[in-house]
Amino acid sequence: MCGRYALVETTEAVEALYNLKNLDQFPPRYNIAPTQPILMIGSDGASQIAPILVRWGLVPSWVKEPGEFSLLINARSESAAEKPSFRNAMRHRRMLIPASGYYEW
């Protein structure tokens, strides 16, 4: 995963691309950083695509005190499916993150 990314598309363009309804308006963002709120798109449990506002980062399911755990923001694609921190999330909780571009400093 990248260190920063941008989402500069209009709300209407994102709605049309992912066939969403009633997406809250959002401004263009050119420097989205880890731990900031981001738009994700996933299933609402009834096989419907739904927008979700989340904090960028992963807290593994085995963490007992989430407030005391640093959010994970990066994983190596070659080994993420085998690592305990990412394994279950990769198998069962896939999401899309709309982005216009990404970069590293």
N, C-alpha and C. Protein backbone atom coordinates (compact mmCIF):
# COMPACT_ATOMS: atom_id res chain seq x y z
N MET A 1 0.85 -1.18 0.00
CA MET A 1 0.00 0.00 0.00
C MET A 1 0.88 1.23 0.00
N CYS A 2 0.35 2.27 -0.51
CA CYS A 2 1.09 3.53 -0.60
C CYS A 2 1.08 4.27 0.74
N GLY A 3 1.86 5.32 0.82
CA GLY A 3 1.90 6.13 2.03
C GLY A 3 0.88 7.24 1.99
N ARG A 4 0.51 7.71 0.81
CA ARG A 4 -0.48 8.77 0.64
C ARG A 4 -1.25 8.50 -0.65
N TYR A 5 -2.46 9.03 -0.72
CA TYR A 5 -3.19 8.94 -1.98
C TYR A 5 -4.14 10.12 -2.11
N ALA A 6 -4.75 10.24 -3.28
CA ALA A 6 -5.65 11.34 -3.57
C ALA A 6 -6.97 10.80 -4.09
N LEU A 7 -8.05 11.50 -3.78
CA LEU A 7 -9.36 11.23 -4.36
C LEU A 7 -9.93 12.58 -4.77
N VAL A 8 -9.82 12.89 -6.04
CA VAL A 8 -10.22 14.21 -6.53
C VAL A 8 -11.46 14.14 -7.42
N GLU A 9 -12.02 12.96 -7.60
CA GLU A 9 -13.24 12.81 -8.39
C GLU A 9 -14.42 13.45 -7.66
N THR A 10 -15.43 13.85 -8.41
CA THR A 10 -16.63 14.42 -7.79
C THR A 10 -17.44 13.31 -7.15
N THR A 11 -18.29 13.69 -6.23
CA THR A 11 -19.17 12.73 -5.59
C THR A 11 -20.04 12.02 -6.63
N GLU A 12 -20.53 12.78 -7.60
CA GLU A 12 -21.38 12.21 -8.65
C GLU A 12 -20.62 11.18 -9.49
N ALA A 13 -19.36 11.44 -9.79
CA ALA A 13 -18.55 10.50 -10.58
C ALA A 13 -18.34 9.20 -9.82
N VAL A 14 -18.08 9.28 -8.52
CA VAL A 14 -17.89 8.07 -7.70
C VAL A 14 -19.21 7.30 -7.61
N GLU A 15 -20.32 8.01 -7.43
CA GLU A 15 -21.64 7.34 -7.40
C GLU A 15 -21.90 6.58 -8.69
N ALA A 16 -21.63 7.23 -9.82
CA ALA A 16 -21.89 6.60 -11.12
C ALA A 16 -20.97 5.41 -11.36
N LEU A 17 -19.69 5.54 -11.02
CA LEU A 17 -18.73 4.48 -11.26
C LEU A 17 -19.06 3.20 -10.49
N TYR A 18 -19.51 3.35 -9.24
CA TYR A 18 -19.77 2.19 -8.39
C TYR A 18 -21.25 1.90 -8.19
N ASN A 19 -22.11 2.62 -8.94
CA ASN A 19 -23.56 2.41 -8.86
C ASN A 19 -24.06 2.58 -7.43
N LEU A 20 -23.67 3.68 -6.79
CA LEU A 20 -24.07 3.98 -5.42
C LEU A 20 -25.23 4.96 -5.43
N LYS A 21 -25.97 5.00 -4.35
CA LYS A 21 -27.07 5.95 -4.21
C LYS A 21 -26.88 6.73 -2.92
N ASN A 22 -27.21 8.00 -2.95
CA ASN A 22 -27.21 8.86 -1.77
C ASN A 22 -25.86 8.94 -1.06
N LEU A 23 -24.80 9.04 -1.83
CA LEU A 23 -23.47 9.20 -1.25
C LEU A 23 -23.34 10.63 -0.74
N ASP A 24 -22.91 10.81 0.49
CA ASP A 24 -22.73 12.16 1.04
C ASP A 24 -21.68 12.91 0.23
N GLN A 25 -21.89 14.21 0.05
CA GLN A 25 -20.93 15.04 -0.68
C GLN A 25 -19.58 15.05 0.05
N PHE A 26 -18.50 15.03 -0.71
CA PHE A 26 -17.16 15.13 -0.13
C PHE A 26 -16.30 16.00 -1.04
N PRO A 27 -15.36 16.73 -0.45
CA PRO A 27 -14.48 17.60 -1.25
C PRO A 27 -13.33 16.80 -1.84
N PRO A 28 -12.69 17.34 -2.90
CA PRO A 28 -11.47 16.69 -3.41
C PRO A 28 -10.40 16.70 -2.33
N ARG A 29 -9.65 15.61 -2.24
CA ARG A 29 -8.55 15.52 -1.26
C ARG A 29 -7.32 15.04 -2.00
N TYR A 30 -6.23 15.79 -1.85
CA TYR A 30 -5.00 15.53 -2.59
C TYR A 30 -3.90 14.88 -1.75
N ASN A 31 -4.08 14.81 -0.44
CA ASN A 31 -3.03 14.31 0.44
C ASN A 31 -3.65 13.51 1.58
N ILE A 32 -4.25 12.39 1.25
CA ILE A 32 -4.91 11.56 2.26
C ILE A 32 -3.84 10.70 2.93
N ALA A 33 -3.76 10.80 4.25
CA ALA A 33 -2.71 10.13 5.01
C ALA A 33 -3.29 9.04 5.91
N PRO A 34 -2.46 8.08 6.33
CA PRO A 34 -2.91 7.06 7.27
C PRO A 34 -3.53 7.68 8.51
N THR A 35 -4.51 7.03 9.05
CA THR A 35 -5.33 7.37 10.22
C THR A 35 -6.40 8.41 9.92
N GLN A 36 -6.44 8.98 8.72
CA GLN A 36 -7.50 9.93 8.38
C GLN A 36 -8.75 9.16 7.94
N PRO A 37 -9.92 9.82 8.01
CA PRO A 37 -11.13 9.17 7.52
C PRO A 37 -11.09 9.04 6.00
N ILE A 38 -11.51 7.87 5.49
CA ILE A 38 -11.51 7.63 4.05
C ILE A 38 -12.81 6.95 3.64
N LEU A 39 -13.12 7.07 2.36
CA LEU A 39 -14.28 6.40 1.80
C LEU A 39 -13.87 5.01 1.33
N MET A 40 -14.63 4.01 1.76
CA MET A 40 -14.43 2.64 1.28
C MET A 40 -15.76 2.15 0.75
N ILE A 41 -15.69 1.17 -0.13
CA ILE A 41 -16.90 0.61 -0.71
C ILE A 41 -16.86 -0.89 -0.48
N GLY A 42 -17.96 -1.40 0.09
CA GLY A 42 -18.02 -2.82 0.39
C GLY A 42 -19.44 -3.31 0.39
N SER A 43 -19.64 -4.51 0.82
CA SER A 43 -20.96 -5.12 0.87
C SER A 43 -21.63 -4.76 2.19
N ASP A 44 -22.94 -4.54 2.13
CA ASP A 44 -23.68 -4.23 3.35
C ASP A 44 -24.24 -5.48 4.02
N GLY A 45 -23.81 -6.65 3.55
CA GLY A 45 -24.26 -7.91 4.12
C GLY A 45 -25.41 -8.53 3.35
N ALA A 46 -26.09 -7.74 2.51
CA ALA A 46 -27.20 -8.25 1.71
C ALA A 46 -26.83 -8.23 0.23
N SER A 47 -25.55 -8.38 -0.06
CA SER A 47 -25.02 -8.38 -1.42
C SER A 47 -25.24 -7.05 -2.14
N GLN A 48 -25.43 -5.99 -1.39
CA GLN A 48 -25.55 -4.66 -1.97
C GLN A 48 -24.25 -3.91 -1.74
N ILE A 49 -23.84 -3.14 -2.73
CA ILE A 49 -22.64 -2.33 -2.60
C ILE A 49 -23.01 -1.08 -1.80
N ALA A 50 -22.19 -0.76 -0.79
CA ALA A 50 -22.50 0.36 0.08
C ALA A 50 -21.23 1.16 0.39
N PRO A 51 -21.35 2.49 0.45
CA PRO A 51 -20.21 3.31 0.87
C PRO A 51 -20.07 3.28 2.39
N ILE A 52 -18.84 3.31 2.86
CA ILE A 52 -18.56 3.26 4.29
C ILE A 52 -17.45 4.27 4.58
N LEU A 53 -17.61 5.07 5.62
CA LEU A 53 -16.55 5.99 6.05
C LEU A 53 -15.79 5.31 7.19
N VAL A 54 -14.47 5.14 7.00
CA VAL A 54 -13.65 4.45 7.99
C VAL A 54 -12.36 5.23 8.25
N ARG A 55 -11.66 4.84 9.28
CA ARG A 55 -10.33 5.38 9.57
C ARG A 55 -9.31 4.50 8.87
N TRP A 56 -8.39 5.12 8.11
CA TRP A 56 -7.39 4.35 7.36
C TRP A 56 -6.46 3.65 8.32
N GLY A 57 -6.50 2.34 8.32
CA GLY A 57 -5.65 1.51 9.15
C GLY A 57 -6.38 0.23 9.53
N LEU A 58 -5.65 -0.77 9.91
CA LEU A 58 -6.23 -2.06 10.27
C LEU A 58 -5.85 -2.40 11.70
N VAL A 59 -6.85 -2.81 12.46
CA VAL A 59 -6.62 -3.38 13.79
C VAL A 59 -6.95 -4.87 13.65
N PRO A 60 -5.96 -5.75 13.77
CA PRO A 60 -6.22 -7.19 13.61
C PRO A 60 -7.26 -7.69 14.61
N SER A 61 -7.97 -8.73 14.23
CA SER A 61 -9.04 -9.27 15.07
C SER A 61 -8.53 -9.81 16.40
N TRP A 62 -7.26 -10.20 16.48
CA TRP A 62 -6.74 -10.78 17.71
C TRP A 62 -6.31 -9.74 18.75
N VAL A 63 -6.38 -8.44 18.41
CA VAL A 63 -5.99 -7.38 19.35
C VAL A 63 -7.07 -7.23 20.43
N LYS A 64 -6.66 -7.30 21.69
CA LYS A 64 -7.61 -7.20 22.80
C LYS A 64 -7.92 -5.76 23.19
N GLU A 65 -6.96 -4.84 23.09
CA GLU A 65 -7.14 -3.43 23.43
C GLU A 65 -6.86 -2.56 22.20
N PRO A 66 -7.86 -2.33 21.33
CA PRO A 66 -7.62 -1.58 20.10
C PRO A 66 -7.06 -0.18 20.33
N GLY A 67 -7.44 0.46 21.42
CA GLY A 67 -6.95 1.81 21.71
C GLY A 67 -5.46 1.87 21.97
N GLU A 68 -4.87 0.76 22.36
CA GLU A 68 -3.44 0.71 22.68
C GLU A 68 -2.60 0.13 21.55
N PHE A 69 -3.24 -0.19 20.42
CA PHE A 69 -2.55 -0.83 19.31
C PHE A 69 -2.36 0.17 18.18
N SER A 70 -1.16 0.25 17.63
CA SER A 70 -0.92 1.12 16.48
C SER A 70 -1.57 0.52 15.25
N LEU A 71 -2.26 1.35 14.49
CA LEU A 71 -2.91 0.87 13.28
C LEU A 71 -1.89 0.38 12.27
N LEU A 72 -2.19 -0.73 11.61
CA LEU A 72 -1.35 -1.23 10.53
C LEU A 72 -1.80 -0.56 9.24
N ILE A 73 -0.86 -0.05 8.46
CA ILE A 73 -1.23 0.63 7.22
C ILE A 73 -0.57 0.02 6.00
N ASN A 74 0.39 -0.83 6.17
CA ASN A 74 1.12 -1.41 5.05
C ASN A 74 1.27 -2.92 5.20
N ALA A 75 1.30 -3.59 4.05
CA ALA A 75 1.57 -5.02 4.02
C ALA A 75 2.27 -5.34 2.71
N ARG A 76 3.16 -6.28 2.75
CA ARG A 76 3.80 -6.74 1.50
C ARG A 76 2.83 -7.65 0.78
N SER A 77 2.58 -7.37 -0.48
CA SER A 77 1.61 -8.16 -1.24
C SER A 77 2.04 -9.62 -1.35
N GLU A 78 3.35 -9.87 -1.35
CA GLU A 78 3.85 -11.24 -1.50
C GLU A 78 3.52 -12.12 -0.29
N SER A 79 3.40 -11.52 0.89
CA SER A 79 3.24 -12.34 2.10
C SER A 79 2.02 -11.97 2.95
N ALA A 80 1.24 -11.00 2.57
CA ALA A 80 0.12 -10.54 3.41
C ALA A 80 -0.89 -11.64 3.69
N ALA A 81 -1.16 -12.49 2.72
CA ALA A 81 -2.17 -13.54 2.92
C ALA A 81 -1.72 -14.59 3.94
N GLU A 82 -0.44 -14.62 4.27
CA GLU A 82 0.07 -15.61 5.23
C GLU A 82 0.30 -15.02 6.62
N LYS A 83 0.33 -13.70 6.73
CA LYS A 83 0.61 -13.06 8.02
C LYS A 83 -0.63 -13.04 8.89
N PRO A 84 -0.50 -13.37 10.18
CA PRO A 84 -1.66 -13.39 11.08
C PRO A 84 -2.42 -12.05 11.13
N SER A 85 -1.73 -10.95 10.99
CA SER A 85 -2.38 -9.64 11.07
C SER A 85 -3.33 -9.39 9.91
N PHE A 86 -3.05 -9.94 8.74
CA PHE A 86 -3.82 -9.64 7.54
C PHE A 86 -4.62 -10.83 6.99
N ARG A 87 -4.30 -12.03 7.40
CA ARG A 87 -4.84 -13.25 6.79
C ARG A 87 -6.38 -13.27 6.76
N ASN A 88 -7.03 -13.11 7.90
CA ASN A 88 -8.50 -13.19 7.94
C ASN A 88 -9.15 -12.03 7.22
N ALA A 89 -8.60 -10.84 7.35
CA ALA A 89 -9.16 -9.69 6.65
C ALA A 89 -9.09 -9.88 5.14
N MET A 90 -8.01 -10.44 4.64
CA MET A 90 -7.88 -10.66 3.20
C MET A 90 -8.86 -11.71 2.70
N ARG A 91 -9.16 -12.69 3.52
CA ARG A 91 -10.08 -13.75 3.10
C ARG A 91 -11.55 -13.35 3.19
N HIS A 92 -11.91 -12.57 4.22
CA HIS A 92 -13.32 -12.37 4.52
C HIS A 92 -13.82 -10.93 4.48
N ARG A 93 -12.95 -9.95 4.46
CA ARG A 93 -13.41 -8.57 4.56
C ARG A 93 -12.77 -7.69 3.48
N ARG A 94 -12.98 -8.02 2.24
CA ARG A 94 -12.42 -7.24 1.13
C ARG A 94 -13.24 -5.96 0.92
N MET A 95 -12.54 -4.88 0.61
CA MET A 95 -13.17 -3.58 0.36
C MET A 95 -12.47 -2.89 -0.80
N LEU A 96 -13.14 -1.93 -1.41
CA LEU A 96 -12.53 -1.09 -2.43
C LEU A 96 -12.26 0.29 -1.84
N ILE A 97 -11.15 0.87 -2.21
CA ILE A 97 -10.82 2.23 -1.80
C ILE A 97 -10.72 3.07 -3.08
N PRO A 98 -11.73 3.90 -3.36
CA PRO A 98 -11.65 4.74 -4.55
C PRO A 98 -10.47 5.71 -4.43
N ALA A 99 -9.69 5.80 -5.48
CA ALA A 99 -8.52 6.68 -5.47
C ALA A 99 -8.28 7.22 -6.88
N SER A 100 -7.88 8.47 -6.97
CA SER A 100 -7.48 9.06 -8.25
C SER A 100 -6.00 8.84 -8.53
N GLY A 101 -5.24 8.66 -7.47
CA GLY A 101 -3.81 8.42 -7.60
C GLY A 101 -3.20 8.14 -6.24
N TYR A 102 -1.95 7.66 -6.24
CA TYR A 102 -1.26 7.37 -4.99
C TYR A 102 0.21 7.73 -5.14
N TYR A 103 0.89 7.92 -4.02
CA TYR A 103 2.29 8.30 -4.07
C TYR A 103 2.98 8.06 -2.74
N GLU A 104 4.28 8.11 -2.78
CA GLU A 104 5.14 8.09 -1.60
C GLU A 104 5.94 9.38 -1.59
N TRP A 105 6.32 9.83 -0.45
CA TRP A 105 7.13 11.05 -0.36
C TRP A 105 8.54 10.76 -0.80
